[in-house]
Amino acid sequence: MLTVDSNELNRTSRLLDINRQRLEEIKSQIGRIENLQLEHDDTRTALNSISKGQTGHIPLGAGVMVKIPESNTVIIDFGSGIFGEVSIDVAESMVSDRLTDLGELKNQFQKDSDTVNNRISSILQDIEKISSRQVEEGHTLQETPEPSSKTTSKTKRRRKRGSELTLDD
């Protein structure tokens, strides 16, 4: 009976590890989505300022900026690397729509995270039950009389892998 619980405990532990890895992946995805949301929100704010006629500079990186040209259009990525020129208002609307989509995607990942967290809690409870059952059975096994020498086989006298003791030890 003890080996069945050990196998069950090992299987449950592997399941716990898999779910913890999944939770880390979900948290990583949520972090990426949050970064994209910040980027899209900054872009939407900049497009809104440009559409109101405000001037400024666009940072290129390494401390270099380009003055915002007085233009009524911008180039936007429609997806799959396809770019097109649209008005600032259309670009602002598209960025807002993408921001909404990212929010919905983030909410879905957060729901998945909650589900995996609940699953992990359930698995931890299962592990505690299995462990307590092993301890109880271990005490019961120690209290039972040893089998007669006729029924004892060499395999029962051998130690199992690790430091587990057999009934004969």
C-alpha atoms as a PDB file:
ATOM      1  CA  MET A   1       0.000   0.000   0.000  1.00  0.00           C
ATOM      2  CA  LEU A   2       2.887   2.310   0.776  1.00  0.00           C
ATOM      3  CA  THR A   3       4.306   2.051  -2.760  1.00  0.00           C
ATOM      4  CA  VAL A   4       0.916   2.931  -4.239  1.00  0.00           C
ATOM      5  CA  ASP A   5       0.848   6.096  -2.136  1.00  0.00           C
ATOM      6  CA  SER A   6       4.453   6.855  -3.102  1.00  0.00           C
ATOM      7  CA  ASN A   7       3.605   6.512  -6.780  1.00  0.00           C
ATOM      8  CA  GLU A   8       0.527   8.659  -6.299  1.00  0.00           C
ATOM      9  CA  LEU A   9       2.584  11.236  -4.416  1.00  0.00           C
ATOM     10  CA  ASN A  10       5.181  11.317  -7.217  1.00  0.00           C
ATOM     11  CA  ARG A  11       2.493  11.684  -9.871  1.00  0.00           C
ATOM     12  CA  THR A  12       0.806  14.454  -7.902  1.00  0.00           C
ATOM     13  CA  SER A  13       4.129  16.231  -7.374  1.00  0.00           C
ATOM     14  CA  ARG A  14       4.812  16.157 -11.115  1.00  0.00           C
ATOM     15  CA  LEU A  15       1.342  17.550 -11.728  1.00  0.00           C
ATOM     16  CA  LEU A  16       2.086  20.322  -9.236  1.00  0.00           C
ATOM     17  CA  ASP A  17       5.331  21.185 -11.044  1.00  0.00           C
ATOM     18  CA  ILE A  18       3.566  21.296 -14.406  1.00  0.00           C
ATOM     19  CA  ASN A  19       0.916  23.641 -13.050  1.00  0.00           C
ATOM     20  CA  ARG A  20       3.512  25.894 -11.435  1.00  0.00           C
ATOM     21  CA  GLN A  21       5.350  26.124 -14.762  1.00  0.00           C
ATOM     22  CA  ARG A  22       2.079  26.972 -16.492  1.00  0.00           C
ATOM     23  CA  LEU A  23       1.425  29.686 -13.908  1.00  0.00           C
ATOM     24  CA  GLU A  24       4.858  31.202 -14.567  1.00  0.00           C
ATOM     25  CA  GLU A  25       4.162  31.196 -18.321  1.00  0.00           C
ATOM     26  CA  ILE A  26       0.840  32.947 -17.746  1.00  0.00           C
ATOM     27  CA  LYS A  27       2.469  35.564 -15.504  1.00  0.00           C
ATOM     28  CA  SER A  28       5.098  36.157 -18.173  1.00  0.00           C
ATOM     29  CA  GLN A  29       2.389  36.638 -20.819  1.00  0.00           C
ATOM     30  CA  ILE A  30       0.529  39.063 -18.539  1.00  0.00           C
ATOM     31  CA  GLY A  31       3.770  41.053 -18.116  1.00  0.00           C
ATOM     32  CA  ARG A  32       4.242  41.257 -21.895  1.00  0.00           C
ATOM     33  CA  ILE A  33       0.652  42.367 -22.368  1.00  0.00           C
ATOM     34  CA  GLU A  34       1.059  45.071 -19.718  1.00  0.00           C
ATOM     35  CA  ASN A  35       4.152  46.382 -21.539  1.00  0.00           C
ATOM     36  CA  LEU A  36       2.222  46.451 -24.817  1.00  0.00           C
ATOM     37  CA  GLN A  37      -0.645  48.257 -23.104  1.00  0.00           C
ATOM     38  CA  LEU A  38       1.741  50.954 -21.845  1.00  0.00           C
ATOM     39  CA  GLU A  39       3.247  51.324 -25.307  1.00  0.00           C
ATOM     40  CA  HIS A  40      -0.177  51.577 -26.961  1.00  0.00           C
ATOM     41  CA  ASP A  41      -1.408  54.042 -24.350  1.00  0.00           C
ATOM     42  CA  ASP A  42       1.649  56.273 -24.922  1.00  0.00           C
ATOM     43  CA  THR A  43       1.070  56.057 -28.672  1.00  0.00           C
ATOM     44  CA  ARG A  44      -2.600  56.933 -28.310  1.00  0.00           C
ATOM     45  CA  THR A  45      -1.715  59.931 -26.133  1.00  0.00           C
ATOM     46  CA  ALA A  46       0.864  61.115 -28.683  1.00  0.00           C
ATOM     47  CA  LEU A  47      -1.577  60.699 -31.578  1.00  0.00           C
ATOM     48  CA  ASN A  48      -4.215  62.600 -29.646  1.00  0.00           C
ATOM     49  CA  SER A  49      -1.762  65.462 -29.031  1.00  0.00           C
ATOM     50  CA  ILE A  50      -0.735  65.553 -32.699  1.00  0.00           C
ATOM     51  CA  SER A  51      -4.362  65.580 -33.853  1.00  0.00           C
ATOM     52  CA  LYS A  52      -4.976  68.628 -31.651  1.00  0.00           C
ATOM     53  CA  GLY A  53      -2.165  70.453 -33.452  1.00  0.00           C
ATOM     54  CA  GLN A  54       0.443  70.262 -30.725  1.00  0.00           C
ATOM     55  CA  THR A  55       4.037  70.068 -31.807  1.00  0.00           C
ATOM     56  CA  GLY A  56       6.901  68.209 -30.255  1.00  0.00           C
ATOM     57  CA  HIS A  57       9.608  65.688 -30.878  1.00  0.00           C
ATOM     58  CA  ILE A  58       9.664  61.935 -31.392  1.00  0.00           C
ATOM     59  CA  PRO A  59      12.503  60.087 -29.622  1.00  0.00           C
ATOM     60  CA  LEU A  60      14.492  57.770 -31.893  1.00  0.00           C
ATOM     61  CA  GLY A  61      16.742  56.483 -29.129  1.00  0.00           C
ATOM     62  CA  ALA A  62      20.274  57.233 -27.898  1.00  0.00           C
ATOM     63  CA  GLY A  63      19.121  60.753 -27.001  1.00  0.00           C
ATOM     64  CA  VAL A  64      18.163  61.628 -30.579  1.00  0.00           C
ATOM     65  CA  MET A  65      14.765  63.158 -31.374  1.00  0.00           C
ATOM     66  CA  VAL A  66      13.016  64.154 -34.553  1.00  0.00           C
ATOM     67  CA  LYS A  67      10.658  67.093 -34.772  1.00  0.00           C
ATOM     68  CA  ILE A  68       7.067  66.035 -35.418  1.00  0.00           C
ATOM     69  CA  PRO A  69       6.231  67.022 -38.992  1.00  0.00           C
ATOM     70  CA  GLU A  70       3.044  68.888 -39.640  1.00  0.00           C
ATOM     71  CA  SER A  71       1.296  66.056 -41.412  1.00  0.00           C
ATOM     72  CA  ASN A  72      -2.245  64.772 -41.382  1.00  0.00           C
ATOM     73  CA  THR A  73      -1.274  61.134 -41.860  1.00  0.00           C
ATOM     74  CA  VAL A  74       0.792  58.474 -40.156  1.00  0.00           C
ATOM     75  CA  ILE A  75       1.989  55.053 -41.208  1.00  0.00           C
ATOM     76  CA  ILE A  76       0.582  52.184 -39.183  1.00  0.00           C
ATOM     77  CA  ASP A  77       1.146  48.437 -39.106  1.00  0.00           C
ATOM     78  CA  PHE A  78      -2.122  46.705 -39.988  1.00  0.00           C
ATOM     79  CA  GLY A  79      -0.666  43.351 -39.005  1.00  0.00           C
ATOM     80  CA  SER A  80       1.636  40.728 -40.495  1.00  0.00           C
ATOM     81  CA  GLY A  81       4.111  43.461 -41.448  1.00  0.00           C
ATOM     82  CA  ILE A  82       1.657  45.252 -43.746  1.00  0.00           C
ATOM     83  CA  PHE A  83       1.895  49.018 -43.336  1.00  0.00           C
ATOM     84  CA  GLY A  84      -0.375  51.693 -44.623  1.00  0.00           C
ATOM     85  CA  GLU A  85      -0.844  55.427 -44.439  1.00  0.00           C
ATOM     86  CA  VAL A  86      -3.922  56.600 -42.533  1.00  0.00           C
ATOM     87  CA  SER A  87      -5.164  59.771 -40.955  1.00  0.00           C
ATOM     88  CA  ILE A  88      -4.170  60.503 -37.386  1.00  0.00           C
ATOM     89  CA  ASP A  89      -7.750  60.042 -36.182  1.00  0.00           C
ATOM     90  CA  VAL A  90      -7.990  56.590 -37.796  1.00  0.00           C
ATOM     91  CA  ALA A  91      -4.630  55.602 -36.317  1.00  0.00           C
ATOM     92  CA  GLU A  92      -5.734  56.774 -32.876  1.00  0.00           C
ATOM     93  CA  SER A  93      -8.930  54.733 -33.200  1.00  0.00           C
ATOM     94  CA  MET A  94      -6.997  51.642 -34.294  1.00  0.00           C
ATOM     95  CA  VAL A  95      -4.581  51.980 -31.383  1.00  0.00           C
ATOM     96  CA  SER A  96      -7.528  52.370 -28.982  1.00  0.00           C
ATOM     97  CA  ASP A  97      -9.127  49.221 -30.410  1.00  0.00           C
ATOM     98  CA  ARG A  98      -5.864  47.322 -29.986  1.00  0.00           C
ATOM     99  CA  LEU A  99      -5.622  48.593 -26.420  1.00  0.00           C
ATOM    100  CA  THR A 100      -9.127  47.273 -25.716  1.00  0.00           C
ATOM    101  CA  ASP A 101      -8.221  43.908 -27.260  1.00  0.00           C
ATOM    102  CA  LEU A 102      -5.089  43.736 -25.113  1.00  0.00           C
ATOM    103  CA  GLY A 103      -7.190  44.437 -22.009  1.00  0.00           C
ATOM    104  CA  GLU A 104      -9.534  41.572 -22.874  1.00  0.00           C
ATOM    105  CA  LEU A 105      -6.581  39.267 -23.526  1.00  0.00           C
ATOM    106  CA  LYS A 106      -5.023  40.247 -20.193  1.00  0.00           C
ATOM    107  CA  ASN A 107      -8.312  39.533 -18.409  1.00  0.00           C
ATOM    108  CA  GLN A 108      -8.428  36.076 -20.006  1.00  0.00           C
ATOM    109  CA  PHE A 109      -4.886  35.340 -18.870  1.00  0.00           C
ATOM    110  CA  GLN A 110      -5.761  36.525 -15.357  1.00  0.00           C
ATOM    111  CA  LYS A 111      -8.734  34.136 -15.322  1.00  0.00           C
ATOM    112  CA  ASP A 112      -6.407  31.347 -16.477  1.00  0.00           C
ATOM    113  CA  SER A 113      -4.002  32.329 -13.707  1.00  0.00           C
ATOM    114  CA  ASP A 114      -6.785  32.112 -11.116  1.00  0.00           C
ATOM    115  CA  THR A 115      -7.806  28.689 -12.444  1.00  0.00           C
ATOM    116  CA  VAL A 116      -4.235  27.381 -12.277  1.00  0.00           C
ATOM    117  CA  ASN A 117      -3.808  28.846  -8.765  1.00  0.00           C
ATOM    118  CA  ASN A 118      -6.944  27.013  -7.642  1.00  0.00           C
ATOM    119  CA  ARG A 119      -5.668  23.810  -9.251  1.00  0.00           C
ATOM    120  CA  ILE A 120      -2.322  24.217  -7.451  1.00  0.00           C
ATOM    121  CA  SER A 121      -4.128  24.692  -4.126  1.00  0.00           C
ATOM    122  CA  SER A 122      -6.150  21.550  -4.761  1.00  0.00           C
ATOM    123  CA  ILE A 123      -3.034  19.570  -5.665  1.00  0.00           C
ATOM    124  CA  LEU A 124      -1.269  20.780  -2.516  1.00  0.00           C
ATOM    125  CA  GLN A 125      -4.225  19.567  -0.456  1.00  0.00           C
ATOM    126  CA  ASP A 126      -4.026  16.197  -2.227  1.00  0.00           C
ATOM    127  CA  ILE A 127      -0.313  15.971  -1.446  1.00  0.00           C
ATOM    128  CA  GLU A 128      -1.005  16.712   2.219  1.00  0.00           C
ATOM    129  CA  LYS A 129      -3.665  13.976   2.319  1.00  0.00           C
ATOM    130  CA  ILE A 130      -1.357  11.446   0.662  1.00  0.00           C
ATOM    131  CA  SER A 131       1.511  12.350   2.984  1.00  0.00           C
ATOM    132  CA  SER A 132      -0.625  12.069   6.105  1.00  0.00           C
ATOM    133  CA  ARG A 133      -1.984   8.743   4.859  1.00  0.00           C
ATOM    134  CA  GLN A 134       1.575   7.511   4.320  1.00  0.00           C
ATOM    135  CA  VAL A 135       2.529   8.532   7.846  1.00  0.00           C
ATOM    136  CA  GLU A 136      -0.530   6.785   9.308  1.00  0.00           C
ATOM    137  CA  GLU A 137       0.130   3.611   7.306  1.00  0.00           C
ATOM    138  CA  GLY A 138       3.804   3.755   8.230  1.00  0.00           C
ATOM    139  CA  HIS A 139       2.892   3.636  11.917  1.00  0.00           C
ATOM    140  CA  THR A 140       0.441   0.794  11.286  1.00  0.00           C
ATOM    141  CA  LEU A 141       3.066  -1.161   9.367  1.00  0.00           C
ATOM    142  CA  GLN A 142       5.586  -0.834  12.190  1.00  0.00           C
ATOM    143  CA  GLU A 143       3.090  -2.160  14.732  1.00  0.00           C
ATOM    144  CA  THR A 144       2.158  -5.290  12.748  1.00  0.00           C
ATOM    145  CA  PRO A 145       4.044  -8.491  13.563  1.00  0.00           C
ATOM    146  CA  GLU A 146       6.761  -9.609  11.201  1.00  0.00           C
ATOM    147  CA  PRO A 147       5.791 -12.293   8.699  1.00  0.00           C
ATOM    148  CA  SER A 148       7.185 -15.768   9.185  1.00  0.00           C
ATOM    149  CA  SER A 149      10.517 -16.577   7.587  1.00  0.00           C
ATOM    150  CA  LYS A 150       8.804 -18.960   5.132  1.00  0.00           C
ATOM    151  CA  THR A 151       6.799 -16.143   3.526  1.00  0.00           C
ATOM    152  CA  THR A 152       9.618 -13.583   3.551  1.00  0.00           C
ATOM    153  CA  SER A 153      11.363 -13.322   0.221  1.00  0.00           C
ATOM    154  CA  LYS A 154      14.732 -11.832  -0.596  1.00  0.00           C
ATOM    155  CA  THR A 155      13.093  -8.888  -2.366  1.00  0.00           C
ATOM    156  CA  LYS A 156      11.294  -7.886   0.839  1.00  0.00           C
ATOM    157  CA  ARG A 157      14.588  -7.854   2.735  1.00  0.00           C
ATOM    158  CA  ARG A 158      16.298  -5.599   0.246  1.00  0.00           C
ATOM    159  CA  ARG A 159      16.207  -1.882   0.722  1.00  0.00           C
ATOM    160  CA  LYS A 160      14.187   0.064  -1.760  1.00  0.00           C
ATOM    161  CA  ARG A 161      15.629   2.955  -3.674  1.00  0.00           C
ATOM    162  CA  GLY A 162      16.583   5.809  -1.451  1.00  0.00           C
ATOM    163  CA  SER A 163      16.397   5.511   2.301  1.00  0.00           C
ATOM    164  CA  GLU A 164      13.044   3.766   2.669  1.00  0.00           C
ATOM    165  CA  LEU A 165      13.097   0.806   5.015  1.00  0.00           C
ATOM    166  CA  THR A 166      11.304  -2.463   4.421  1.00  0.00           C
ATOM    167  CA  LEU A 167       9.346  -4.390   7.031  1.00  0.00           C
ATOM    168  CA  ASP A 168      12.401  -6.542   7.766  1.00  0.00           C
ATOM    169  CA  ASP A 169      14.730  -3.625   8.659  1.00  0.00           C
END
